[in-house]
Protein backbone atom coordinates (compact mmCIF):
# COMPACT_ATOMS: atom_id res chain seq x y z
CA UNK A 1 0.00 0.00 0.00
CA UNK A 2 1.09 3.52 -0.66
CA UNK A 3 1.42 6.11 2.09
CA UNK A 4 -1.57 8.21 3.08
CA UNK A 5 -1.75 11.51 1.21
CA UNK A 6 -3.91 14.60 1.57
CA UNK A 7 -6.45 15.35 -1.14
CA UNK A 8 -9.71 17.21 -1.72
CA UNK A 9 -13.04 15.51 -2.14
CA UNK A 10 -15.91 17.12 -3.99
CA UNK A 11 -19.37 15.78 -3.30
CA UNK A 12 -22.01 17.28 -5.58
CA UNK A 13 -25.65 16.72 -4.67
CA UNK A 14 -28.18 17.04 -7.50
CA UNK A 15 -31.32 15.25 -8.66
CA UNK A 16 -31.50 12.59 -11.32
CA UNK A 17 -33.94 14.69 -13.33
CA UNK A 18 -31.55 17.70 -13.50
CA UNK A 19 -30.36 18.42 -17.04
CA UNK A 20 -27.82 20.55 -18.86
CA UNK A 21 -28.64 21.32 -22.51
CA UNK A 22 -31.15 18.44 -22.62
CA UNK A 23 -28.64 15.88 -21.25
CA UNK A 24 -28.38 14.49 -17.72
CA UNK A 25 -26.50 16.93 -15.50
CA UNK A 26 -24.66 14.05 -13.82
CA UNK A 27 -23.23 12.96 -17.18
CA UNK A 28 -22.15 16.54 -17.95
CA UNK A 29 -20.31 16.81 -14.63
CA UNK A 30 -18.57 13.45 -15.11
CA UNK A 31 -17.52 14.40 -18.67
CA UNK A 32 -16.18 17.76 -17.49
CA UNK A 33 -14.21 16.04 -14.72
CA UNK A 34 -12.77 13.60 -17.27
CA UNK A 35 -11.84 16.42 -19.66
CA UNK A 36 -10.17 18.26 -16.76
CA UNK A 37 -7.97 15.21 -16.16
CA UNK A 38 -9.25 14.52 -12.65
CA UNK A 39 -8.44 11.15 -11.10
CA UNK A 40 -12.02 9.89 -11.23
CA UNK A 41 -15.69 10.57 -10.62
CA UNK A 42 -18.45 8.31 -9.33
CA UNK A 43 -22.19 8.93 -9.47
CA UNK A 44 -24.12 7.41 -6.57
CA UNK A 45 -27.89 7.06 -6.83
CA UNK A 46 -29.85 7.66 -3.65
CA UNK A 47 -33.12 6.10 -2.64
CA UNK A 48 -34.70 9.12 -1.05
CA UNK A 49 -33.70 12.47 0.41
CA UNK A 50 -34.48 16.15 0.83
CA UNK A 51 -32.51 19.38 0.78
CA UNK A 52 -33.01 23.08 1.32
CA UNK A 53 -36.46 23.02 -0.31
CA UNK A 54 -37.68 20.45 2.26
CA UNK A 55 -39.33 18.55 -0.60
CA UNK A 56 -38.72 14.80 -0.28
CA UNK A 57 -37.27 13.34 -3.48
CA UNK A 58 -37.30 9.66 -4.20
CA UNK A 59 -38.38 6.79 -6.40
CA UNK A 60 -42.11 6.68 -7.05
CA UNK A 61 -43.40 3.62 -8.87
CA UNK A 62 -46.23 5.40 -10.67
CA UNK A 63 -44.39 8.63 -11.45
CA UNK A 64 -43.16 9.48 -14.94
CA UNK A 65 -40.49 11.82 -13.56
CA UNK A 66 -37.94 10.21 -11.27
CA UNK A 67 -36.19 12.75 -9.09
CA UNK A 68 -34.05 10.54 -6.88
CA UNK A 69 -31.06 12.26 -5.29
CA UNK A 70 -27.63 11.78 -6.83
CA UNK A 71 -24.23 12.33 -5.26
CA UNK A 72 -21.21 12.74 -7.53
CA UNK A 73 -17.92 12.13 -5.71
CA UNK A 74 -14.58 13.34 -7.07
CA UNK A 75 -11.26 12.97 -5.22
CA UNK A 76 -7.96 14.39 -6.43
CA UNK A 77 -5.06 16.65 -5.49
CA UNK A 78 -6.17 19.97 -4.00
CA UNK A 79 -4.81 22.13 -6.82
CA UNK A 80 -6.55 20.06 -9.54
CA UNK A 81 -9.89 20.06 -7.70
CA UNK A 82 -9.75 23.82 -7.09
CA UNK A 83 -9.07 24.40 -10.81
CA UNK A 84 -12.19 22.34 -11.58
CA UNK A 85 -14.56 24.30 -9.32
CA UNK A 86 -15.35 27.06 -11.89
CA UNK A 87 -16.56 24.36 -14.31
CA UNK A 88 -19.12 23.32 -11.67
CA UNK A 89 -20.35 26.87 -11.10
CA UNK A 90 -21.44 26.96 -14.75
CA UNK A 91 -23.72 23.91 -14.47
CA UNK A 92 -24.80 23.30 -10.86
CA UNK A 93 -27.62 25.72 -10.18
CA UNK A 94 -29.80 24.28 -7.46
CA UNK A 95 -27.46 21.64 -6.17
CA UNK A 96 -25.02 21.59 -3.28
CA UNK A 97 -21.25 21.20 -3.61
CA UNK A 98 -19.19 20.12 -0.60
CA UNK A 99 -15.41 20.54 -0.65
CA UNK A 100 -13.50 18.76 2.10
CA UNK A 101 -9.97 17.65 2.89
CA UNK A 102 -9.55 13.87 3.01
CA UNK A 103 -6.74 11.38 3.56
CA UNK A 104 -6.23 8.99 0.66
CA UNK A 105 -4.50 5.61 0.70
CA UNK A 106 -4.18 3.87 -2.64
CA UNK A 107 -4.36 0.09 -2.60
CA UNK A 108 -2.69 -1.60 -5.59
CA UNK A 109 -4.63 -4.18 -7.57
CA UNK A 110 -3.99 -7.72 -6.38
CA UNK A 111 -2.69 -10.32 -8.78
CA UNK A 112 -4.78 -13.44 -9.20
CA UNK A 113 -1.90 -15.40 -7.69
CA UNK A 114 -2.11 -13.28 -4.51
CA UNK A 115 -5.86 -13.62 -4.10
CA UNK A 116 -6.94 -15.79 -1.17
CA UNK A 117 -8.30 -19.22 -2.10
C-alpha atoms as a PDB file:
ATOM      1  CA  UNK A   1       0.000   0.000   0.000  1.00  0.00           C
ATOM      2  CA  UNK A   2       1.093   3.520  -0.661  1.00  0.00           C
ATOM      3  CA  UNK A   3       1.418   6.112   2.086  1.00  0.00           C
ATOM      4  CA  UNK A   4      -1.568   8.208   3.082  1.00  0.00           C
ATOM      5  CA  UNK A   5      -1.751  11.505   1.207  1.00  0.00           C
ATOM      6  CA  UNK A   6      -3.907  14.600   1.568  1.00  0.00           C
ATOM      7  CA  UNK A   7      -6.452  15.348  -1.143  1.00  0.00           C
ATOM      8  CA  UNK A   8      -9.705  17.210  -1.715  1.00  0.00           C
ATOM      9  CA  UNK A   9     -13.042  15.507  -2.136  1.00  0.00           C
ATOM     10  CA  UNK A  10     -15.909  17.123  -3.989  1.00  0.00           C
ATOM     11  CA  UNK A  11     -19.365  15.782  -3.296  1.00  0.00           C
ATOM     12  CA  UNK A  12     -22.007  17.275  -5.583  1.00  0.00           C
ATOM     13  CA  UNK A  13     -25.652  16.722  -4.670  1.00  0.00           C
ATOM     14  CA  UNK A  14     -28.179  17.038  -7.496  1.00  0.00           C
ATOM     15  CA  UNK A  15     -31.315  15.249  -8.658  1.00  0.00           C
ATOM     16  CA  UNK A  16     -31.503  12.586 -11.319  1.00  0.00           C
ATOM     17  CA  UNK A  17     -33.942  14.691 -13.333  1.00  0.00           C
ATOM     18  CA  UNK A  18     -31.550  17.697 -13.504  1.00  0.00           C
ATOM     19  CA  UNK A  19     -30.363  18.420 -17.044  1.00  0.00           C
ATOM     20  CA  UNK A  20     -27.815  20.549 -18.862  1.00  0.00           C
ATOM     21  CA  UNK A  21     -28.643  21.323 -22.505  1.00  0.00           C
ATOM     22  CA  UNK A  22     -31.151  18.436 -22.617  1.00  0.00           C
ATOM     23  CA  UNK A  23     -28.644  15.878 -21.255  1.00  0.00           C
ATOM     24  CA  UNK A  24     -28.380  14.487 -17.721  1.00  0.00           C
ATOM     25  CA  UNK A  25     -26.498  16.928 -15.504  1.00  0.00           C
ATOM     26  CA  UNK A  26     -24.665  14.046 -13.816  1.00  0.00           C
ATOM     27  CA  UNK A  27     -23.231  12.960 -17.179  1.00  0.00           C
ATOM     28  CA  UNK A  28     -22.154  16.535 -17.946  1.00  0.00           C
ATOM     29  CA  UNK A  29     -20.307  16.807 -14.635  1.00  0.00           C
ATOM     30  CA  UNK A  30     -18.565  13.445 -15.113  1.00  0.00           C
ATOM     31  CA  UNK A  31     -17.525  14.397 -18.665  1.00  0.00           C
ATOM     32  CA  UNK A  32     -16.175  17.758 -17.490  1.00  0.00           C
ATOM     33  CA  UNK A  33     -14.211  16.036 -14.722  1.00  0.00           C
ATOM     34  CA  UNK A  34     -12.767  13.604 -17.271  1.00  0.00           C
ATOM     35  CA  UNK A  35     -11.837  16.420 -19.661  1.00  0.00           C
ATOM     36  CA  UNK A  36     -10.171  18.259 -16.758  1.00  0.00           C
ATOM     37  CA  UNK A  37      -7.971  15.209 -16.160  1.00  0.00           C
ATOM     38  CA  UNK A  38      -9.247  14.518 -12.653  1.00  0.00           C
ATOM     39  CA  UNK A  39      -8.439  11.148 -11.100  1.00  0.00           C
ATOM     40  CA  UNK A  40     -12.024   9.890 -11.230  1.00  0.00           C
ATOM     41  CA  UNK A  41     -15.688  10.572 -10.617  1.00  0.00           C
ATOM     42  CA  UNK A  42     -18.447   8.314  -9.327  1.00  0.00           C
ATOM     43  CA  UNK A  43     -22.192   8.931  -9.466  1.00  0.00           C
ATOM     44  CA  UNK A  44     -24.123   7.413  -6.574  1.00  0.00           C
ATOM     45  CA  UNK A  45     -27.892   7.059  -6.831  1.00  0.00           C
ATOM     46  CA  UNK A  46     -29.845   7.658  -3.650  1.00  0.00           C
ATOM     47  CA  UNK A  47     -33.117   6.095  -2.638  1.00  0.00           C
ATOM     48  CA  UNK A  48     -34.697   9.116  -1.046  1.00  0.00           C
ATOM     49  CA  UNK A  49     -33.703  12.474   0.414  1.00  0.00           C
ATOM     50  CA  UNK A  50     -34.476  16.151   0.833  1.00  0.00           C
ATOM     51  CA  UNK A  51     -32.514  19.377   0.785  1.00  0.00           C
ATOM     52  CA  UNK A  52     -33.010  23.080   1.319  1.00  0.00           C
ATOM     53  CA  UNK A  53     -36.463  23.025  -0.309  1.00  0.00           C
ATOM     54  CA  UNK A  54     -37.682  20.452   2.257  1.00  0.00           C
ATOM     55  CA  UNK A  55     -39.331  18.546  -0.605  1.00  0.00           C
ATOM     56  CA  UNK A  56     -38.723  14.803  -0.283  1.00  0.00           C
ATOM     57  CA  UNK A  57     -37.267  13.344  -3.478  1.00  0.00           C
ATOM     58  CA  UNK A  58     -37.303   9.661  -4.200  1.00  0.00           C
ATOM     59  CA  UNK A  59     -38.376   6.794  -6.401  1.00  0.00           C
ATOM     60  CA  UNK A  60     -42.106   6.684  -7.051  1.00  0.00           C
ATOM     61  CA  UNK A  61     -43.395   3.621  -8.869  1.00  0.00           C
ATOM     62  CA  UNK A  62     -46.226   5.399 -10.673  1.00  0.00           C
ATOM     63  CA  UNK A  63     -44.386   8.630 -11.452  1.00  0.00           C
ATOM     64  CA  UNK A  64     -43.163   9.482 -14.944  1.00  0.00           C
ATOM     65  CA  UNK A  65     -40.492  11.818 -13.560  1.00  0.00           C
ATOM     66  CA  UNK A  66     -37.941  10.209 -11.272  1.00  0.00           C
ATOM     67  CA  UNK A  67     -36.191  12.750  -9.092  1.00  0.00           C
ATOM     68  CA  UNK A  68     -34.046  10.544  -6.879  1.00  0.00           C
ATOM     69  CA  UNK A  69     -31.060  12.257  -5.292  1.00  0.00           C
ATOM     70  CA  UNK A  70     -27.626  11.782  -6.834  1.00  0.00           C
ATOM     71  CA  UNK A  71     -24.230  12.335  -5.257  1.00  0.00           C
ATOM     72  CA  UNK A  72     -21.212  12.739  -7.529  1.00  0.00           C
ATOM     73  CA  UNK A  73     -17.924  12.125  -5.712  1.00  0.00           C
ATOM     74  CA  UNK A  74     -14.580  13.337  -7.068  1.00  0.00           C
ATOM     75  CA  UNK A  75     -11.257  12.970  -5.223  1.00  0.00           C
ATOM     76  CA  UNK A  76      -7.956  14.388  -6.429  1.00  0.00           C
ATOM     77  CA  UNK A  77      -5.064  16.648  -5.487  1.00  0.00           C
ATOM     78  CA  UNK A  78      -6.169  19.966  -4.004  1.00  0.00           C
ATOM     79  CA  UNK A  79      -4.810  22.127  -6.824  1.00  0.00           C
ATOM     80  CA  UNK A  80      -6.552  20.063  -9.535  1.00  0.00           C
ATOM     81  CA  UNK A  81      -9.888  20.056  -7.697  1.00  0.00           C
ATOM     82  CA  UNK A  82      -9.753  23.819  -7.090  1.00  0.00           C
ATOM     83  CA  UNK A  83      -9.071  24.403 -10.810  1.00  0.00           C
ATOM     84  CA  UNK A  84     -12.191  22.337 -11.584  1.00  0.00           C
ATOM     85  CA  UNK A  85     -14.564  24.304  -9.324  1.00  0.00           C
ATOM     86  CA  UNK A  86     -15.349  27.058 -11.887  1.00  0.00           C
ATOM     87  CA  UNK A  87     -16.562  24.358 -14.305  1.00  0.00           C
ATOM     88  CA  UNK A  88     -19.120  23.325 -11.671  1.00  0.00           C
ATOM     89  CA  UNK A  89     -20.349  26.871 -11.100  1.00  0.00           C
ATOM     90  CA  UNK A  90     -21.441  26.958 -14.751  1.00  0.00           C
ATOM     91  CA  UNK A  91     -23.718  23.906 -14.472  1.00  0.00           C
ATOM     92  CA  UNK A  92     -24.804  23.297 -10.859  1.00  0.00           C
ATOM     93  CA  UNK A  93     -27.624  25.720 -10.177  1.00  0.00           C
ATOM     94  CA  UNK A  94     -29.802  24.282  -7.456  1.00  0.00           C
ATOM     95  CA  UNK A  95     -27.457  21.640  -6.169  1.00  0.00           C
ATOM     96  CA  UNK A  96     -25.017  21.586  -3.285  1.00  0.00           C
ATOM     97  CA  UNK A  97     -21.245  21.198  -3.613  1.00  0.00           C
ATOM     98  CA  UNK A  98     -19.192  20.124  -0.599  1.00  0.00           C
ATOM     99  CA  UNK A  99     -15.412  20.535  -0.648  1.00  0.00           C
ATOM    100  CA  UNK A 100     -13.496  18.765   2.100  1.00  0.00           C
ATOM    101  CA  UNK A 101      -9.966  17.646   2.894  1.00  0.00           C
ATOM    102  CA  UNK A 102      -9.546  13.872   3.006  1.00  0.00           C
ATOM    103  CA  UNK A 103      -6.740  11.378   3.561  1.00  0.00           C
ATOM    104  CA  UNK A 104      -6.226   8.995   0.659  1.00  0.00           C
ATOM    105  CA  UNK A 105      -4.505   5.613   0.702  1.00  0.00           C
ATOM    106  CA  UNK A 106      -4.185   3.873  -2.641  1.00  0.00           C
ATOM    107  CA  UNK A 107      -4.363   0.090  -2.604  1.00  0.00           C
ATOM    108  CA  UNK A 108      -2.686  -1.597  -5.589  1.00  0.00           C
ATOM    109  CA  UNK A 109      -4.632  -4.184  -7.569  1.00  0.00           C
ATOM    110  CA  UNK A 110      -3.994  -7.717  -6.377  1.00  0.00           C
ATOM    111  CA  UNK A 111      -2.685 -10.319  -8.780  1.00  0.00           C
ATOM    112  CA  UNK A 112      -4.784 -13.442  -9.203  1.00  0.00           C
ATOM    113  CA  UNK A 113      -1.897 -15.401  -7.688  1.00  0.00           C
ATOM    114  CA  UNK A 114      -2.105 -13.277  -4.515  1.00  0.00           C
ATOM    115  CA  UNK A 115      -5.865 -13.623  -4.104  1.00  0.00           C
ATOM    116  CA  UNK A 116      -6.939 -15.788  -1.174  1.00  0.00           C
ATOM    117  CA  UNK A 117      -8.301 -19.216  -2.095  1.00  0.00           C
END
